[in-house]
Amino acid sequence: MNVLLGVTGGIAVYKSCELVRRLRERGHEVTVVMTEAATRFVSPLTFATLSGRPVGTSLWEGTHESVDHIELARWPDVVLVAPATAHSIARFAHGMADDLLSTVVLATEREVPIVLAPAMNTAMWDNPLVQRNLDLLTGTERFTVVAPADKTLACGETGVGGLAEESAILDAVAAAGSERR
């Protein structure tokens, strides 16, 4: 199965590295698309090394032999966004497409499932605006949300908002991929 992993800018980015490794262990091809904010936490080189494939980071830099975001959008069987920040969730919910990841998500065919694994501070997770944006996305039947975990967060606070356990994310990707086939 082809999995496009969207990586957005939050401290949980480092856990996405292990997701790439585990997806590949399960026999999946993985292409990573990172937001600019994500590249401030982990280098694209790390993901390129782990995935064995080029990493997309910019809507404006690429081969330009084709329309990169359209080619990327046609490739996956499943899109996984982990971590999915409040910002990225809002952009997807409102159809904003101003970077490579958001354009790929919007251009992906309707039958391709999109799995979101949110990670953010508890106050952000509990914010009614974030919850409304998630409701907009899950109401389309195309988006699945792997609920964040209740644990001690990077900021030192304890509450819901930590990236879900790796096994829960991998199971959601497998389920989404099997539903599509």
C-alpha atoms as a PDB file:
ATOM      1  CA  MET A   1       0.000   0.000   0.000  1.00  0.00           C
ATOM      2  CA  ASN A   2       1.213   3.530  -0.773  1.00  0.00           C
ATOM      3  CA  VAL A   3       1.009   5.804   2.263  1.00  0.00           C
ATOM      4  CA  LEU A   4       1.547   9.528   1.991  1.00  0.00           C
ATOM      5  CA  LEU A   5       2.604  10.804   5.405  1.00  0.00           C
ATOM      6  CA  GLY A   6       1.898  14.480   5.994  1.00  0.00           C
ATOM      7  CA  VAL A   7       4.021  15.873   8.815  1.00  0.00           C
ATOM      8  CA  THR A   8       3.009  19.185  10.374  1.00  0.00           C
ATOM      9  CA  GLY A   9       4.857  21.414  12.823  1.00  0.00           C
ATOM     10  CA  GLY A  10       4.527  20.211  16.373  1.00  0.00           C
ATOM     11  CA  ILE A  11       6.895  18.670  18.870  1.00  0.00           C
ATOM     12  CA  ALA A  12       5.449  15.214  18.130  1.00  0.00           C
ATOM     13  CA  VAL A  13       7.165  15.292  14.715  1.00  0.00           C
ATOM     14  CA  TYR A  14       9.961  13.128  16.078  1.00  0.00           C
ATOM     15  CA  LYS A  15       7.443  10.301  16.592  1.00  0.00           C
ATOM     16  CA  SER A  16       6.587  10.413  12.889  1.00  0.00           C
ATOM     17  CA  CYS A  17      10.077   9.144  12.132  1.00  0.00           C
ATOM     18  CA  GLU A  18       9.233   5.880  13.878  1.00  0.00           C
ATOM     19  CA  LEU A  19       5.906   5.731  12.027  1.00  0.00           C
ATOM     20  CA  VAL A  20       7.797   5.757   8.713  1.00  0.00           C
ATOM     21  CA  ARG A  21      10.015   2.911   9.882  1.00  0.00           C
ATOM     22  CA  ARG A  22       7.077   0.849  11.123  1.00  0.00           C
ATOM     23  CA  LEU A  23       5.012   1.443   7.964  1.00  0.00           C
ATOM     24  CA  ARG A  24       7.922   0.244   5.861  1.00  0.00           C
ATOM     25  CA  GLU A  25       8.353  -2.820   8.092  1.00  0.00           C
ATOM     26  CA  ARG A  26       4.732  -3.656   7.239  1.00  0.00           C
ATOM     27  CA  GLY A  27       5.617  -3.548   3.535  1.00  0.00           C
ATOM     28  CA  HIS A  28       4.190  -0.129   2.676  1.00  0.00           C
ATOM     29  CA  GLU A  29       5.794   2.453   0.446  1.00  0.00           C
ATOM     30  CA  VAL A  30       5.921   5.812   2.235  1.00  0.00           C
ATOM     31  CA  THR A  31       6.269   9.276   0.759  1.00  0.00           C
ATOM     32  CA  VAL A  32       6.603  12.135   3.232  1.00  0.00           C
ATOM     33  CA  VAL A  33       5.341  15.677   2.709  1.00  0.00           C
ATOM     34  CA  MET A  34       6.369  18.152   5.415  1.00  0.00           C
ATOM     35  CA  THR A  35       5.119  21.616   6.214  1.00  0.00           C
ATOM     36  CA  GLU A  36       7.708  24.347   6.652  1.00  0.00           C
ATOM     37  CA  ALA A  37       7.035  24.337  10.403  1.00  0.00           C
ATOM     38  CA  ALA A  38       7.708  20.579  10.576  1.00  0.00           C
ATOM     39  CA  THR A  39      11.168  21.094   9.059  1.00  0.00           C
ATOM     40  CA  ARG A  40      12.074  23.216  12.100  1.00  0.00           C
ATOM     41  CA  PHE A  41      11.726  20.121  14.312  1.00  0.00           C
ATOM     42  CA  VAL A  42      13.179  17.343  12.107  1.00  0.00           C
ATOM     43  CA  SER A  43      15.168  17.566   8.892  1.00  0.00           C
ATOM     44  CA  PRO A  44      13.681  16.342   5.611  1.00  0.00           C
ATOM     45  CA  LEU A  45      16.898  14.313   5.241  1.00  0.00           C
ATOM     46  CA  THR A  46      15.827  12.181   8.204  1.00  0.00           C
ATOM     47  CA  PHE A  47      12.539  11.289   6.519  1.00  0.00           C
ATOM     48  CA  ALA A  48      14.207  10.745   3.136  1.00  0.00           C
ATOM     49  CA  THR A  49      16.643   8.318   4.724  1.00  0.00           C
ATOM     50  CA  LEU A  50      13.927   6.437   6.605  1.00  0.00           C
ATOM     51  CA  SER A  51      11.489   6.292   3.668  1.00  0.00           C
ATOM     52  CA  GLY A  52      14.011   5.789   0.877  1.00  0.00           C
ATOM     53  CA  ARG A  53      12.109   8.396  -1.134  1.00  0.00           C
ATOM     54  CA  PRO A  54      12.358  12.144  -1.776  1.00  0.00           C
ATOM     55  CA  VAL A  55      10.531  14.344   0.731  1.00  0.00           C
ATOM     56  CA  GLY A  56       8.206  17.121  -0.395  1.00  0.00           C
ATOM     57  CA  THR A  57       8.583  20.377   1.495  1.00  0.00           C
ATOM     58  CA  SER A  58       7.586  23.177  -0.832  1.00  0.00           C
ATOM     59  CA  LEU A  59       4.833  23.962  -3.265  1.00  0.00           C
ATOM     60  CA  TRP A  60       7.292  26.117  -5.165  1.00  0.00           C
ATOM     61  CA  GLU A  61      10.357  23.906  -5.386  1.00  0.00           C
ATOM     62  CA  GLY A  62      10.344  20.654  -7.287  1.00  0.00           C
ATOM     63  CA  THR A  63      11.009  19.101 -10.635  1.00  0.00           C
ATOM     64  CA  HIS A  64       8.393  21.193 -12.446  1.00  0.00           C
ATOM     65  CA  GLU A  65       8.357  18.459 -15.076  1.00  0.00           C
ATOM     66  CA  SER A  66       4.867  17.856 -13.790  1.00  0.00           C
ATOM     67  CA  VAL A  67       2.556  19.518 -11.326  1.00  0.00           C
ATOM     68  CA  ASP A  68       4.094  18.030  -8.178  1.00  0.00           C
ATOM     69  CA  HIS A  69       1.099  18.356  -5.866  1.00  0.00           C
ATOM     70  CA  ILE A  70      -1.162  16.658  -8.408  1.00  0.00           C
ATOM     71  CA  GLU A  71       1.311  13.812  -8.946  1.00  0.00           C
ATOM     72  CA  LEU A  72       1.671  13.378  -5.192  1.00  0.00           C
ATOM     73  CA  ALA A  73      -2.116  13.432  -4.759  1.00  0.00           C
ATOM     74  CA  ARG A  74      -2.544  10.606  -7.282  1.00  0.00           C
ATOM     75  CA  TRP A  75       0.027   8.348  -5.629  1.00  0.00           C
ATOM     76  CA  PRO A  76      -1.336   7.247  -2.226  1.00  0.00           C
ATOM     77  CA  ASP A  77      -3.819   4.600  -1.224  1.00  0.00           C
ATOM     78  CA  VAL A  78      -4.044   6.305   2.188  1.00  0.00           C
ATOM     79  CA  VAL A  79      -3.009   9.727   3.455  1.00  0.00           C
ATOM     80  CA  LEU A  80      -1.852   9.905   7.073  1.00  0.00           C
ATOM     81  CA  VAL A  81      -1.241  13.266   8.746  1.00  0.00           C
ATOM     82  CA  ALA A  82       0.749  12.737  11.950  1.00  0.00           C
ATOM     83  CA  PRO A  83       1.056  14.900  13.859  1.00  0.00           C
ATOM     84  CA  ALA A  84      -1.950  16.913  12.742  1.00  0.00           C
ATOM     85  CA  THR A  85      -1.780  20.330  14.385  1.00  0.00           C
ATOM     86  CA  ALA A  86      -4.740  22.583  15.125  1.00  0.00           C
ATOM     87  CA  HIS A  87      -3.509  24.785  12.278  1.00  0.00           C
ATOM     88  CA  SER A  88      -3.428  21.980   9.711  1.00  0.00           C
ATOM     89  CA  ILE A  89      -6.835  20.685  10.809  1.00  0.00           C
ATOM     90  CA  ALA A  90      -8.304  24.174  10.323  1.00  0.00           C
ATOM     91  CA  ARG A  91      -6.711  24.496   6.893  1.00  0.00           C
ATOM     92  CA  PHE A  92      -8.077  21.144   5.732  1.00  0.00           C
ATOM     93  CA  ALA A  93     -11.542  21.854   7.176  1.00  0.00           C
ATOM     94  CA  HIS A  94     -11.801  25.165   5.358  1.00  0.00           C
ATOM     95  CA  GLY A  95     -10.259  24.140   2.051  1.00  0.00           C
ATOM     96  CA  MET A  96      -7.164  26.303   2.365  1.00  0.00           C
ATOM     97  CA  ALA A  97      -4.350  25.292   0.039  1.00  0.00           C
ATOM     98  CA  ASP A  98      -1.279  27.441   0.430  1.00  0.00           C
ATOM     99  CA  ASP A  99       1.475  24.876   0.913  1.00  0.00           C
ATOM    100  CA  LEU A 100       2.387  21.502  -0.536  1.00  0.00           C
ATOM    101  CA  LEU A 101       0.633  19.369   2.080  1.00  0.00           C
ATOM    102  CA  SER A 102      -2.671  21.242   2.003  1.00  0.00           C
ATOM    103  CA  THR A 103      -2.764  21.209  -1.803  1.00  0.00           C
ATOM    104  CA  VAL A 104      -2.035  17.477  -1.851  1.00  0.00           C
ATOM    105  CA  VAL A 105      -4.826  16.802   0.663  1.00  0.00           C
ATOM    106  CA  LEU A 106      -7.305  18.861  -1.363  1.00  0.00           C
ATOM    107  CA  ALA A 107      -6.245  17.310  -4.670  1.00  0.00           C
ATOM    108  CA  THR A 108      -6.360  13.706  -3.452  1.00  0.00           C
ATOM    109  CA  GLU A 109      -9.134  11.662  -5.041  1.00  0.00           C
ATOM    110  CA  ARG A 110     -12.328  11.353  -3.007  1.00  0.00           C
ATOM    111  CA  GLU A 111     -11.999   7.613  -2.498  1.00  0.00           C
ATOM    112  CA  VAL A 112      -8.583   7.955  -0.826  1.00  0.00           C
ATOM    113  CA  PRO A 113      -9.042   7.867   2.954  1.00  0.00           C
ATOM    114  CA  ILE A 114      -7.298  10.460   5.106  1.00  0.00           C
ATOM    115  CA  VAL A 115      -6.258   9.542   8.642  1.00  0.00           C
ATOM    116  CA  LEU A 116      -5.522  12.393  11.053  1.00  0.00           C
ATOM    117  CA  ALA A 117      -3.522  11.845  14.239  1.00  0.00           C
ATOM    118  CA  PRO A 118      -3.840  15.144  16.132  1.00  0.00           C
ATOM    119  CA  ALA A 119      -1.257  16.284  18.657  1.00  0.00           C
ATOM    120  CA  MET A 120      -1.462  19.570  20.555  1.00  0.00           C
ATOM    121  CA  ASN A 121      -1.778  21.090  23.989  1.00  0.00           C
ATOM    122  CA  THR A 122      -4.924  20.099  25.914  1.00  0.00           C
ATOM    123  CA  ALA A 123      -6.304  23.652  25.862  1.00  0.00           C
ATOM    124  CA  MET A 124      -6.016  23.671  22.080  1.00  0.00           C
ATOM    125  CA  TRP A 125      -7.546  20.208  21.745  1.00  0.00           C
ATOM    126  CA  ASP A 126     -10.491  21.223  23.946  1.00  0.00           C
ATOM    127  CA  ASN A 127     -11.073  24.477  22.066  1.00  0.00           C
ATOM    128  CA  PRO A 128     -14.555  24.444  20.468  1.00  0.00           C
ATOM    129  CA  LEU A 129     -13.116  25.775  17.205  1.00  0.00           C
ATOM    130  CA  VAL A 130     -10.736  22.825  16.876  1.00  0.00           C
ATOM    131  CA  GLN A 131     -13.566  20.427  17.693  1.00  0.00           C
ATOM    132  CA  ARG A 132     -15.822  22.106  15.121  1.00  0.00           C
ATOM    133  CA  ASN A 133     -13.124  21.784  12.470  1.00  0.00           C
ATOM    134  CA  LEU A 134     -12.727  18.089  13.282  1.00  0.00           C
ATOM    135  CA  ASP A 135     -16.513  17.661  13.030  1.00  0.00           C
ATOM    136  CA  LEU A 136     -16.436  19.268   9.583  1.00  0.00           C
ATOM    137  CA  LEU A 137     -13.770  16.832   8.430  1.00  0.00           C
ATOM    138  CA  THR A 138     -15.193  13.658   9.948  1.00  0.00           C
ATOM    139  CA  GLY A 139     -18.609  14.569   8.573  1.00  0.00           C
ATOM    140  CA  THR A 140     -17.267  13.921   5.075  1.00  0.00           C
ATOM    141  CA  GLU A 141     -16.793  10.179   5.801  1.00  0.00           C
ATOM    142  CA  ARG A 142     -13.379  10.406   4.219  1.00  0.00           C
ATOM    143  CA  PHE A 143     -11.461  11.588   7.278  1.00  0.00           C
ATOM    144  CA  THR A 144     -10.730   9.367  10.256  1.00  0.00           C
ATOM    145  CA  VAL A 145      -9.338  10.798  13.477  1.00  0.00           C
ATOM    146  CA  VAL A 146      -7.110   8.781  15.773  1.00  0.00           C
ATOM    147  CA  ALA A 147      -7.878  10.481  19.075  1.00  0.00           C
ATOM    148  CA  PRO A 148      -4.940  11.954  20.949  1.00  0.00           C
ATOM    149  CA  ALA A 149      -3.765  10.335  24.151  1.00  0.00           C
ATOM    150  CA  ASP A 150      -4.154  11.527  27.723  1.00  0.00           C
ATOM    151  CA  LYS A 151      -0.591  11.863  29.023  1.00  0.00           C
ATOM    152  CA  THR A 152       2.106  14.256  30.104  1.00  0.00           C
ATOM    153  CA  LEU A 153       2.689  16.618  27.192  1.00  0.00           C
ATOM    154  CA  ALA A 154       5.940  18.232  26.066  1.00  0.00           C
ATOM    155  CA  CYS A 155       4.961  21.442  27.878  1.00  0.00           C
ATOM    156  CA  GLY A 156       4.868  19.513  31.158  1.00  0.00           C
ATOM    157  CA  GLU A 157       1.086  19.602  31.526  1.00  0.00           C
ATOM    158  CA  THR A 158      -0.974  16.440  31.731  1.00  0.00           C
ATOM    159  CA  GLY A 159      -4.100  15.984  29.650  1.00  0.00           C
ATOM    160  CA  VAL A 160      -5.529  14.935  26.300  1.00  0.00           C
ATOM    161  CA  GLY A 161      -3.474  16.076  23.348  1.00  0.00           C
ATOM    162  CA  GLY A 162      -0.476  13.781  23.006  1.00  0.00           C
ATOM    163  CA  LEU A 163       0.001  11.896  19.744  1.00  0.00           C
ATOM    164  CA  ALA A 164      -1.868   8.596  19.871  1.00  0.00           C
ATOM    165  CA  GLU A 165       0.079   5.423  20.431  1.00  0.00           C
ATOM    166  CA  GLU A 166       1.923   4.209  17.370  1.00  0.00           C
ATOM    167  CA  SER A 167      -0.060   0.953  17.243  1.00  0.00           C
ATOM    168  CA  ALA A 168      -3.395   2.833  17.154  1.00  0.00           C
ATOM    169  CA  ILE A 169      -2.182   4.997  14.255  1.00  0.00           C
ATOM    170  CA  LEU A 170      -0.840   2.008  12.315  1.00  0.00           C
ATOM    171  CA  ASP A 171      -4.096   0.095  12.886  1.00  0.00           C
ATOM    172  CA  ALA A 172      -6.117   3.081  11.601  1.00  0.00           C
ATOM    173  CA  VAL A 173      -3.981   3.252   8.451  1.00  0.00           C
ATOM    174  CA  ALA A 174      -4.398  -0.489   7.861  1.00  0.00           C
ATOM    175  CA  ALA A 175      -8.167  -0.270   8.379  1.00  0.00           C
ATOM    176  CA  ALA A 176      -8.461   2.734   6.043  1.00  0.00           C
ATOM    177  CA  GLY A 177      -6.422   0.945   3.391  1.00  0.00           C
ATOM    178  CA  SER A 178      -8.460  -2.245   3.601  1.00  0.00           C
ATOM    179  CA  GLU A 179     -11.738  -0.307   3.308  1.00  0.00           C
ATOM    180  CA  ARG A 180     -10.542   1.262   0.075  1.00  0.00           C
ATOM    181  CA  ARG A 181      -9.688  -2.007  -1.630  1.00  0.00           C
END
